Amino acid sequence: MDKLTQQNLLKFQQAELTESVIYAKLAEYEKNQDNAQVLRGIAAAEARHHDIIATQTGQQAAACRWKIAWYLFLARTLGLTFAVKLMEGNEGQAAAAYFKYSDLPEIQKLSMEEEEHEHALLALINEERLNYMGSVVLGLSDALVEFTGALAGFTFALQNPKLVALTGAITGIAAALSMGSSEYLSSKTEKESGKHPFKAAIYTTGAYILTVALLVAPYVLLQNVFVAMGLMLCFALLVIAAFTFYYSVAKGENFKHRFLEMAGLSFGVAMVSFGIGYLLQALTGIQAG
């Protein structure tokens, strides 16, 4: 065995041991016993993979502590689904890497087992917060598209950061409550969705209000209204990127397509609204005092 192969196998060995510990700890925290059982099974399989690779390297490996802490943190804050699906990406990379070692049959066999892990993980999760993902999407997408456009329009029409912040906050909170009420009624009507109407309304309203607070903040902190608008648009882009990444990982969707779609809609509406603000001011001659 050459030195490069030895080094690669040692990395695989550490990764398998680390993932075994992560899955075992996730199983300890998981309240759904079906999910916990699958996690324990995968943890045992990863530990066995470590032992198989150890027979080739003849060395012991130590689990990566920071990686364990990181994935446990993700599971607690962003949910088991997100953490496990992120781990699933590593499973796919490992399967491809193992398949290359045709001269080491024991290692190559691990490729098929890693693929099996992926399928088990895909069928694993039944997490409450994902049932309300549609409500969060509704609140975020509507806030980003509608409210970004409204602030852009207010920016030119009012040209006073404090007035834009006040008007925007009032508009945003009213819109959030309206969206929450609509989601409550919608969830109550569509009983087959499995969502509790009040919880769905809270998720929608909360996502909208958090977005409003973030987008209004530049107008509160800055004196130049156009600089504030630029920062607001940057914040909107960051929110779109962060949420799209989370959603694409948790739901297994294409990040690039969804990100470009949301960003295009939000910024397109913002540009149109900014133009409307300019035209209305020019036509009416009304200016903020």
C-alpha atoms as a PDB file:
ATOM      1  CA  MET A   1       0.000   0.000   0.000  1.00  0.00           C
ATOM      2  CA  ASP A   2       1.466   3.363  -1.041  1.00  0.00           C
ATOM      3  CA  LYS A   3       1.674   6.350   1.302  1.00  0.00           C
ATOM      4  CA  LEU A   4      -1.149   8.320  -0.377  1.00  0.00           C
ATOM      5  CA  THR A   5      -3.571   5.377  -0.111  1.00  0.00           C
ATOM      6  CA  GLN A   6      -2.597   4.932   3.529  1.00  0.00           C
ATOM      7  CA  GLN A   7      -3.309   8.606   4.261  1.00  0.00           C
ATOM      8  CA  ASN A   8      -6.666   8.512   2.472  1.00  0.00           C
ATOM      9  CA  LEU A   9      -7.751   5.375   4.297  1.00  0.00           C
ATOM     10  CA  LEU A  10      -6.823   6.929   7.636  1.00  0.00           C
ATOM     11  CA  LYS A  11      -9.026   9.926   6.771  1.00  0.00           C
ATOM     12  CA  PHE A  12     -11.894   7.583   5.858  1.00  0.00           C
ATOM     13  CA  GLN A  13     -11.337   5.663   9.071  1.00  0.00           C
ATOM     14  CA  GLN A  14     -11.563   8.810  11.197  1.00  0.00           C
ATOM     15  CA  ALA A  15     -14.646   9.985   9.267  1.00  0.00           C
ATOM     16  CA  GLU A  16     -16.447   6.666   9.824  1.00  0.00           C
ATOM     17  CA  LEU A  17     -15.681   6.712  13.554  1.00  0.00           C
ATOM     18  CA  THR A  18     -16.725  10.360  13.873  1.00  0.00           C
ATOM     19  CA  GLU A  19     -20.007   9.773  12.049  1.00  0.00           C
ATOM     20  CA  SER A  20     -20.672   6.689  14.171  1.00  0.00           C
ATOM     21  CA  VAL A  21     -20.401   8.817  17.321  1.00  0.00           C
ATOM     22  CA  ILE A  22     -22.583  11.562  15.820  1.00  0.00           C
ATOM     23  CA  TYR A  23     -25.365   9.180  14.805  1.00  0.00           C
ATOM     24  CA  ALA A  24     -25.244   7.471  18.215  1.00  0.00           C
ATOM     25  CA  LYS A  25     -25.552  10.794  20.038  1.00  0.00           C
ATOM     26  CA  LEU A  26     -28.340  11.972  17.730  1.00  0.00           C
ATOM     27  CA  ALA A  27     -30.186   8.737  18.572  1.00  0.00           C
ATOM     28  CA  GLU A  28     -29.880   9.565  22.283  1.00  0.00           C
ATOM     29  CA  TYR A  29     -31.562  12.942  21.790  1.00  0.00           C
ATOM     30  CA  GLU A  30     -34.225  11.745  19.338  1.00  0.00           C
ATOM     31  CA  LYS A  31     -37.666  11.341  20.938  1.00  0.00           C
ATOM     32  CA  ASN A  32     -39.186   9.480  17.992  1.00  0.00           C
ATOM     33  CA  GLN A  33     -38.171   5.881  18.691  1.00  0.00           C
ATOM     34  CA  ASP A  34     -38.444   4.786  15.050  1.00  0.00           C
ATOM     35  CA  ASN A  35     -36.016   7.520  14.036  1.00  0.00           C
ATOM     36  CA  ALA A  36     -33.751   6.699  16.973  1.00  0.00           C
ATOM     37  CA  GLN A  37     -33.636   3.022  16.014  1.00  0.00           C
ATOM     38  CA  VAL A  38     -32.546   3.810  12.463  1.00  0.00           C
ATOM     39  CA  LEU A  39     -29.901   6.222  13.756  1.00  0.00           C
ATOM     40  CA  ARG A  40     -28.529   3.568  16.122  1.00  0.00           C
ATOM     41  CA  GLY A  41     -28.403   1.070  13.267  1.00  0.00           C
ATOM     42  CA  ILE A  42     -26.449   3.462  11.058  1.00  0.00           C
ATOM     43  CA  ALA A  43     -24.121   4.298  13.972  1.00  0.00           C
ATOM     44  CA  ALA A  44     -23.346   0.590  14.378  1.00  0.00           C
ATOM     45  CA  ALA A  45     -22.736   0.211  10.632  1.00  0.00           C
ATOM     46  CA  GLU A  46     -20.373   3.202  10.595  1.00  0.00           C
ATOM     47  CA  ALA A  47     -18.448   1.716  13.539  1.00  0.00           C
ATOM     48  CA  ARG A  48     -18.140  -1.552  11.614  1.00  0.00           C
ATOM     49  CA  HIS A  49     -16.845   0.359   8.581  1.00  0.00           C
ATOM     50  CA  HIS A  50     -14.208   1.919  10.813  1.00  0.00           C
ATOM     51  CA  ASP A  51     -13.131  -1.544  11.972  1.00  0.00           C
ATOM     52  CA  ILE A  52     -12.914  -2.825   8.380  1.00  0.00           C
ATOM     53  CA  ILE A  53     -10.729   0.091   7.306  1.00  0.00           C
ATOM     54  CA  ALA A  54      -8.600  -0.360  10.447  1.00  0.00           C
ATOM     55  CA  THR A  55      -7.703  -3.875   9.272  1.00  0.00           C
ATOM     56  CA  GLN A  56      -6.193  -2.272   6.168  1.00  0.00           C
ATOM     57  CA  THR A  57      -4.352   0.602   7.875  1.00  0.00           C
ATOM     58  CA  GLY A  58      -3.295  -1.290  10.979  1.00  0.00           C
ATOM     59  CA  GLN A  59      -3.828   1.898  12.995  1.00  0.00           C
ATOM     60  CA  GLN A  60      -6.363   3.357  15.402  1.00  0.00           C
ATOM     61  CA  ALA A  61      -8.245   6.571  14.710  1.00  0.00           C
ATOM     62  CA  ALA A  62      -9.688   9.249  16.984  1.00  0.00           C
ATOM     63  CA  ALA A  63     -13.089  10.812  16.410  1.00  0.00           C
ATOM     64  CA  CYS A  64     -13.117  14.463  15.372  1.00  0.00           C
ATOM     65  CA  ARG A  65     -14.530  16.310  18.392  1.00  0.00           C
ATOM     66  CA  TRP A  66     -15.295  19.610  16.684  1.00  0.00           C
ATOM     67  CA  LYS A  67     -17.278  17.835  13.957  1.00  0.00           C
ATOM     68  CA  ILE A  68     -19.290  15.945  16.572  1.00  0.00           C
ATOM     69  CA  ALA A  69     -20.039  19.172  18.451  1.00  0.00           C
ATOM     70  CA  TRP A  70     -20.948  20.962  15.215  1.00  0.00           C
ATOM     71  CA  TYR A  71     -23.504  18.415  14.021  1.00  0.00           C
ATOM     72  CA  LEU A  72     -25.063  18.105  17.470  1.00  0.00           C
ATOM     73  CA  PHE A  73     -25.407  21.902  17.527  1.00  0.00           C
ATOM     74  CA  LEU A  74     -27.041  21.877  14.083  1.00  0.00           C
ATOM     75  CA  ALA A  75     -29.474  19.155  15.138  1.00  0.00           C
ATOM     76  CA  ARG A  76     -30.522  21.066  18.251  1.00  0.00           C
ATOM     77  CA  THR A  77     -30.872  24.463  16.591  1.00  0.00           C
ATOM     78  CA  LEU A  78     -31.942  23.710  13.016  1.00  0.00           C
ATOM     79  CA  GLY A  79     -33.473  20.293  13.487  1.00  0.00           C
ATOM     80  CA  LEU A  80     -32.554  16.640  13.086  1.00  0.00           C
ATOM     81  CA  THR A  81     -33.601  16.642   9.425  1.00  0.00           C
ATOM     82  CA  PHE A  82     -31.147  19.373   8.448  1.00  0.00           C
ATOM     83  CA  ALA A  83     -28.242  17.801  10.361  1.00  0.00           C
ATOM     84  CA  VAL A  84     -28.882  14.300   9.016  1.00  0.00           C
ATOM     85  CA  LYS A  85     -29.359  15.450   5.411  1.00  0.00           C
ATOM     86  CA  LEU A  86     -26.097  17.398   5.660  1.00  0.00           C
ATOM     87  CA  MET A  87     -24.451  14.208   6.902  1.00  0.00           C
ATOM     88  CA  GLU A  88     -26.087  12.375   4.018  1.00  0.00           C
ATOM     89  CA  GLY A  89     -24.068  14.512   1.621  1.00  0.00           C
ATOM     90  CA  ASN A  90     -20.907  13.145   3.226  1.00  0.00           C
ATOM     91  CA  GLU A  91     -22.287   9.614   2.853  1.00  0.00           C
ATOM     92  CA  GLY A  92     -22.598  10.131  -0.898  1.00  0.00           C
ATOM     93  CA  GLN A  93     -19.034  11.453  -1.158  1.00  0.00           C
ATOM     94  CA  ALA A  94     -17.726   8.503   0.858  1.00  0.00           C
ATOM     95  CA  ALA A  95     -19.534   6.007  -1.406  1.00  0.00           C
ATOM     96  CA  ALA A  96     -17.905   7.517  -4.498  1.00  0.00           C
ATOM     97  CA  ALA A  97     -14.474   7.560  -2.837  1.00  0.00           C
ATOM     98  CA  TYR A  98     -14.639   3.920  -1.705  1.00  0.00           C
ATOM     99  CA  PHE A  99     -15.637   2.732  -5.168  1.00  0.00           C
ATOM    100  CA  LYS A 100     -12.294   3.883  -6.586  1.00  0.00           C
ATOM    101  CA  TYR A 101     -10.323   1.298  -4.583  1.00  0.00           C
ATOM    102  CA  SER A 102     -10.786  -1.674  -6.896  1.00  0.00           C
ATOM    103  CA  ASP A 103      -7.562  -3.230  -5.613  1.00  0.00           C
ATOM    104  CA  LEU A 104      -9.022  -3.337  -2.085  1.00  0.00           C
ATOM    105  CA  PRO A 105     -12.264  -5.381  -2.328  1.00  0.00           C
ATOM    106  CA  GLU A 106     -13.158  -4.921   1.353  1.00  0.00           C
ATOM    107  CA  ILE A 107     -13.023  -1.157   0.965  1.00  0.00           C
ATOM    108  CA  GLN A 108     -14.918  -1.153  -2.313  1.00  0.00           C
ATOM    109  CA  LYS A 109     -17.753  -3.120  -0.709  1.00  0.00           C
ATOM    110  CA  LEU A 110     -18.311  -0.206   1.630  1.00  0.00           C
ATOM    111  CA  SER A 111     -19.482   1.861  -1.335  1.00  0.00           C
ATOM    112  CA  MET A 112     -22.742  -0.087  -1.629  1.00  0.00           C
ATOM    113  CA  GLU A 113     -23.343   0.083   2.108  1.00  0.00           C
ATOM    114  CA  GLU A 114     -22.925   3.863   2.100  1.00  0.00           C
ATOM    115  CA  GLU A 115     -25.559   4.069  -0.660  1.00  0.00           C
ATOM    116  CA  GLU A 116     -27.886   1.983   1.515  1.00  0.00           C
ATOM    117  CA  HIS A 117     -27.341   4.448   4.341  1.00  0.00           C
ATOM    118  CA  GLU A 118     -28.514   7.261   2.076  1.00  0.00           C
ATOM    119  CA  HIS A 119     -31.773   5.450   1.297  1.00  0.00           C
ATOM    120  CA  ALA A 120     -32.341   4.707   4.989  1.00  0.00           C
ATOM    121  CA  LEU A 121     -31.757   8.346   5.857  1.00  0.00           C
ATOM    122  CA  LEU A 122     -34.140   9.568   3.167  1.00  0.00           C
ATOM    123  CA  ALA A 123     -36.952   7.531   4.715  1.00  0.00           C
ATOM    124  CA  LEU A 124     -35.915   8.347   8.259  1.00  0.00           C
ATOM    125  CA  ILE A 125     -37.240  11.706   9.262  1.00  0.00           C
ATOM    126  CA  ASN A 126     -40.669  12.590  10.530  1.00  0.00           C
ATOM    127  CA  GLU A 127     -40.026  15.944  12.181  1.00  0.00           C
ATOM    128  CA  GLU A 128     -42.769  18.331  13.235  1.00  0.00           C
ATOM    129  CA  ARG A 129     -40.984  21.494  12.167  1.00  0.00           C
ATOM    130  CA  LEU A 130     -40.793  20.222   8.573  1.00  0.00           C
ATOM    131  CA  ASN A 131     -44.580  19.870   8.519  1.00  0.00           C
ATOM    132  CA  TYR A 132     -44.692  23.630   9.000  1.00  0.00           C
ATOM    133  CA  MET A 133     -41.971  24.414   6.466  1.00  0.00           C
ATOM    134  CA  GLY A 134     -44.653  25.526   4.017  1.00  0.00           C
ATOM    135  CA  SER A 135     -45.867  28.104   6.544  1.00  0.00           C
ATOM    136  CA  VAL A 136     -42.334  29.421   7.026  1.00  0.00           C
ATOM    137  CA  VAL A 137     -41.829  29.565   3.257  1.00  0.00           C
ATOM    138  CA  LEU A 138     -45.074  31.505   2.933  1.00  0.00           C
ATOM    139  CA  GLY A 139     -44.032  34.053   5.558  1.00  0.00           C
ATOM    140  CA  LEU A 140     -40.483  34.484   4.306  1.00  0.00           C
ATOM    141  CA  SER A 141     -41.211  34.572   0.594  1.00  0.00           C
ATOM    142  CA  ASP A 142     -44.079  37.000   0.981  1.00  0.00           C
ATOM    143  CA  ALA A 143     -42.045  39.279   3.266  1.00  0.00           C
ATOM    144  CA  LEU A 144     -39.034  39.225   0.982  1.00  0.00           C
ATOM    145  CA  VAL A 145     -40.996  39.911  -2.194  1.00  0.00           C
ATOM    146  CA  GLU A 146     -43.719  42.238  -0.923  1.00  0.00           C
ATOM    147  CA  PHE A 147     -41.875  44.045   1.867  1.00  0.00           C
ATOM    148  CA  THR A 148     -38.593  44.524  -0.007  1.00  0.00           C
ATOM    149  CA  GLY A 149     -40.608  46.187  -2.765  1.00  0.00           C
ATOM    150  CA  ALA A 150     -42.554  48.326  -0.294  1.00  0.00           C
ATOM    151  CA  LEU A 151     -39.385  49.603   1.398  1.00  0.00           C
ATOM    152  CA  ALA A 152     -37.818  50.405  -1.961  1.00  0.00           C
ATOM    153  CA  GLY A 153     -40.912  52.400  -2.900  1.00  0.00           C
ATOM    154  CA  PHE A 154     -40.984  54.198   0.478  1.00  0.00           C
ATOM    155  CA  THR A 155     -37.290  55.031   0.109  1.00  0.00           C
ATOM    156  CA  PHE A 156     -37.784  57.261  -2.902  1.00  0.00           C
ATOM    157  CA  ALA A 157     -41.240  58.524  -2.019  1.00  0.00           C
ATOM    158  CA  LEU A 158     -40.311  59.597   1.533  1.00  0.00           C
ATOM    159  CA  GLN A 159     -36.490  59.982   1.348  1.00  0.00           C
ATOM    160  CA  ASN A 160     -36.273  60.034   5.158  1.00  0.00           C
ATOM    161  CA  PRO A 161     -34.827  56.940   6.847  1.00  0.00           C
ATOM    162  CA  LYS A 162     -36.838  57.344  10.060  1.00  0.00           C
ATOM    163  CA  LEU A 163     -40.090  57.819   8.152  1.00  0.00           C
ATOM    164  CA  VAL A 164     -39.291  54.805   5.968  1.00  0.00           C
ATOM    165  CA  ALA A 165     -38.560  52.728   9.098  1.00  0.00           C
ATOM    166  CA  LEU A 166     -41.792  53.813  10.824  1.00  0.00           C
ATOM    167  CA  THR A 167     -43.975  53.370   7.754  1.00  0.00           C
ATOM    168  CA  GLY A 168     -42.284  50.096   6.893  1.00  0.00           C
ATOM    169  CA  ALA A 169     -42.630  48.684  10.416  1.00  0.00           C
ATOM    170  CA  ILE A 170     -46.351  49.509  10.564  1.00  0.00           C
ATOM    171  CA  THR A 171     -46.924  48.091   7.089  1.00  0.00           C
ATOM    172  CA  GLY A 172     -44.845  44.999   7.819  1.00  0.00           C
ATOM    173  CA  ILE A 173     -46.520  44.130  11.120  1.00  0.00           C
ATOM    174  CA  ALA A 174     -49.979  44.612   9.620  1.00  0.00           C
ATOM    175  CA  ALA A 175     -49.025  42.405   6.659  1.00  0.00           C
ATOM    176  CA  ALA A 176     -47.566  39.759   9.009  1.00  0.00           C
ATOM    177  CA  LEU A 177     -50.779  39.574  11.030  1.00  0.00           C
ATOM    178  CA  SER A 178     -52.794  39.410   7.821  1.00  0.00           C
ATOM    179  CA  MET A 179     -50.639  36.583   6.467  1.00  0.00           C
ATOM    180  CA  GLY A 180     -50.858  34.728   9.770  1.00  0.00           C
ATOM    181  CA  SER A 181     -54.652  35.003   9.779  1.00  0.00           C
ATOM    182  CA  SER A 182     -54.835  33.744   6.205  1.00  0.00           C
ATOM    183  CA  GLU A 183     -52.603  30.785   7.043  1.00  0.00           C
ATOM    184  CA  TYR A 184     -54.753  29.986  10.100  1.00  0.00           C
ATOM    185  CA  LEU A 185     -57.915  29.883   8.007  1.00  0.00           C
ATOM    186  CA  SER A 186     -56.185  27.949   5.216  1.00  0.00           C
ATOM    187  CA  SER A 187     -54.816  25.288   7.599  1.00  0.00           C
ATOM    188  CA  LYS A 188     -58.179  25.000   9.326  1.00  0.00           C
ATOM    189  CA  THR A 189     -59.861  24.361   5.964  1.00  0.00           C
ATOM    190  CA  GLU A 190     -57.224  21.899   4.720  1.00  0.00           C
ATOM    191  CA  LYS A 191     -57.412  19.429   7.606  1.00  0.00           C
ATOM    192  CA  GLU A 192     -55.611  16.728   5.600  1.00  0.00           C
ATOM    193  CA  SER A 193     -52.414  18.818   5.733  1.00  0.00           C
ATOM    194  CA  GLY A 194     -51.857  17.621   9.308  1.00  0.00           C
ATOM    195  CA  LYS A 195     -50.906  21.109  10.501  1.00  0.00           C
ATOM    196  CA  HIS A 196     -52.346  22.696  13.622  1.00  0.00           C
ATOM    197  CA  PRO A 197     -53.930  25.977  12.424  1.00  0.00           C
ATOM    198  CA  PHE A 198     -52.623  28.077  15.318  1.00  0.00           C
ATOM    199  CA  LYS A 199     -49.069  26.719  15.005  1.00  0.00           C
ATOM    200  CA  ALA A 200     -49.122  27.286  11.244  1.00  0.00           C
ATOM    201  CA  ALA A 201     -50.217  30.886  11.820  1.00  0.00           C
ATOM    202  CA  ILE A 202     -47.428  31.424  14.377  1.00  0.00           C
ATOM    203  CA  TYR A 203     -44.768  30.046  12.003  1.00  0.00           C
ATOM    204  CA  THR A 204     -45.991  32.277   9.155  1.00  0.00           C
ATOM    205  CA  THR A 205     -46.328  35.413  11.303  1.00  0.00           C
ATOM    206  CA  GLY A 206     -43.011  34.831  13.069  1.00  0.00           C
ATOM    207  CA  ALA A 207     -41.084  34.348   9.828  1.00  0.00           C
ATOM    208  CA  TYR A 208     -42.644  37.519   8.374  1.00  0.00           C
ATOM    209  CA  ILE A 209     -41.968  39.690  11.454  1.00  0.00           C
ATOM    210  CA  LEU A 210     -38.345  38.518  11.782  1.00  0.00           C
ATOM    211  CA  THR A 211     -37.759  39.396   8.142  1.00  0.00           C
ATOM    212  CA  VAL A 212     -39.425  42.786   8.596  1.00  0.00           C
ATOM    213  CA  ALA A 213     -37.235  43.589  11.620  1.00  0.00           C
ATOM    214  CA  LEU A 214     -34.057  42.712   9.740  1.00  0.00           C
ATOM    215  CA  LEU A 215     -34.975  44.713   6.636  1.00  0.00           C
ATOM    216  CA  VAL A 216     -36.123  47.795   8.587  1.00  0.00           C
ATOM    217  CA  ALA A 217     -32.978  47.865  10.780  1.00  0.00           C
ATOM    218  CA  PRO A 218     -30.739  49.730   8.244  1.00  0.00           C
ATOM    219  CA  TYR A 219     -33.225  52.620   8.114  1.00  0.00           C
ATOM    220  CA  VAL A 220     -33.106  52.910  11.913  1.00  0.00           C
ATOM    221  CA  LEU A 221     -29.323  52.796  12.120  1.00  0.00           C
ATOM    222  CA  LEU A 222     -28.270  54.882   9.090  1.00  0.00           C
ATOM    223  CA  GLN A 223     -28.858  58.501   8.131  1.00  0.00           C
ATOM    224  CA  ASN A 224     -28.514  58.170   4.348  1.00  0.00           C
ATOM    225  CA  VAL A 225     -31.756  56.674   3.068  1.00  0.00           C
ATOM    226  CA  PHE A 226     -30.229  55.300  -0.146  1.00  0.00           C
ATOM    227  CA  VAL A 227     -27.306  53.656   1.688  1.00  0.00           C
ATOM    228  CA  ALA A 228     -29.896  52.151   4.027  1.00  0.00           C
ATOM    229  CA  MET A 229     -31.791  50.787   1.028  1.00  0.00           C
ATOM    230  CA  GLY A 230     -28.601  49.234  -0.343  1.00  0.00           C
ATOM    231  CA  LEU A 231     -27.901  47.559   2.997  1.00  0.00           C
ATOM    232  CA  MET A 232     -31.525  46.423   3.193  1.00  0.00           C
ATOM    233  CA  LEU A 233     -31.190  44.714  -0.182  1.00  0.00           C
ATOM    234  CA  CYS A 234     -27.963  43.038   0.977  1.00  0.00           C
ATOM    235  CA  PHE A 235     -29.754  41.744   4.078  1.00  0.00           C
ATOM    236  CA  ALA A 236     -32.577  40.468   1.879  1.00  0.00           C
ATOM    237  CA  LEU A 237     -30.053  38.598  -0.267  1.00  0.00           C
ATOM    238  CA  LEU A 238     -28.449  37.054   2.836  1.00  0.00           C
ATOM    239  CA  VAL A 239     -31.831  35.938   4.170  1.00  0.00           C
ATOM    240  CA  ILE A 240     -32.693  34.395   0.805  1.00  0.00           C
ATOM    241  CA  ALA A 241     -29.329  32.586   0.649  1.00  0.00           C
ATOM    242  CA  ALA A 242     -29.513  31.293   4.237  1.00  0.00           C
ATOM    243  CA  PHE A 243     -33.083  30.087   4.033  1.00  0.00           C
ATOM    244  CA  THR A 244     -32.658  28.599   0.559  1.00  0.00           C
ATOM    245  CA  PHE A 245     -29.619  26.632   1.755  1.00  0.00           C
ATOM    246  CA  TYR A 246     -31.565  25.294   4.733  1.00  0.00           C
ATOM    247  CA  TYR A 247     -34.585  24.431   2.612  1.00  0.00           C
ATOM    248  CA  SER A 248     -32.545  22.814  -0.169  1.00  0.00           C
ATOM    249  CA  VAL A 249     -30.697  20.596   2.314  1.00  0.00           C
ATOM    250  CA  ALA A 250     -33.775  19.635   4.361  1.00  0.00           C
ATOM    251  CA  LYS A 251     -35.982  19.014   1.325  1.00  0.00           C
ATOM    252  CA  GLY A 252     -33.309  17.801  -1.098  1.00  0.00           C
ATOM    253  CA  GLU A 253     -34.022  20.511  -3.679  1.00  0.00           C
ATOM    254  CA  ASN A 254     -31.694  22.399  -6.007  1.00  0.00           C
ATOM    255  CA  PHE A 255     -30.152  25.384  -4.191  1.00  0.00           C
ATOM    256  CA  LYS A 256     -29.152  27.412  -7.241  1.00  0.00           C
ATOM    257  CA  HIS A 257     -32.537  27.265  -8.964  1.00  0.00           C
ATOM    258  CA  ARG A 258     -34.527  28.202  -5.859  1.00  0.00           C
ATOM    259  CA  PHE A 259     -32.079  30.939  -4.834  1.00  0.00           C
ATOM    260  CA  LEU A 260     -32.124  32.616  -8.244  1.00  0.00           C
ATOM    261  CA  GLU A 261     -35.911  32.374  -8.367  1.00  0.00           C
ATOM    262  CA  MET A 262     -36.445  34.028  -4.956  1.00  0.00           C
ATOM    263  CA  ALA A 263     -33.708  36.629  -5.476  1.00  0.00           C
ATOM    264  CA  GLY A 264     -35.038  37.500  -8.927  1.00  0.00           C
ATOM    265  CA  LEU A 265     -38.585  37.961  -7.643  1.00  0.00           C
ATOM    266  CA  SER A 266     -37.555  40.025  -4.606  1.00  0.00           C
ATOM    267  CA  PHE A 267     -35.179  42.338  -6.450  1.00  0.00           C
ATOM    268  CA  GLY A 268     -37.455  42.612  -9.488  1.00  0.00           C
ATOM    269  CA  VAL A 269     -40.359  43.769  -7.323  1.00  0.00           C
ATOM    270  CA  ALA A 270     -38.004  46.135  -5.449  1.00  0.00           C
ATOM    271  CA  MET A 271     -36.921  47.783  -8.698  1.00  0.00           C
ATOM    272  CA  VAL A 272     -40.504  48.161  -9.925  1.00  0.00           C
ATOM    273  CA  SER A 273     -41.602  49.608  -6.556  1.00  0.00           C
ATOM    274  CA  PHE A 274     -38.674  52.028  -6.511  1.00  0.00           C
ATOM    275  CA  GLY A 275     -39.734  53.223  -9.966  1.00  0.00           C
ATOM    276  CA  ILE A 276     -43.354  53.572  -8.843  1.00  0.00           C
ATOM    277  CA  GLY A 277     -42.220  55.690  -5.895  1.00  0.00           C
ATOM    278  CA  TYR A 278     -40.279  57.937  -8.245  1.00  0.00           C
ATOM    279  CA  LEU A 279     -43.221  58.327 -10.654  1.00  0.00           C
ATOM    280  CA  LEU A 280     -45.741  59.016  -7.914  1.00  0.00           C
ATOM    281  CA  GLN A 281     -43.542  61.680  -6.406  1.00  0.00           C
ATOM    282  CA  ALA A 282     -42.997  63.287  -9.791  1.00  0.00           C
ATOM    283  CA  LEU A 283     -46.695  63.182 -10.703  1.00  0.00           C
ATOM    284  CA  THR A 284     -48.091  64.383  -7.383  1.00  0.00           C
ATOM    285  CA  GLY A 285     -45.264  66.703  -6.385  1.00  0.00           C
ATOM    286  CA  ILE A 286     -45.660  65.478  -2.798  1.00  0.00           C
ATOM    287  CA  GLN A 287     -42.449  65.350  -0.806  1.00  0.00           C
ATOM    288  CA  ALA A 288     -41.756  64.370   2.783  1.00  0.00           C
ATOM    289  CA  GLY A 289     -41.117  67.377   4.943  1.00  0.00           C
END
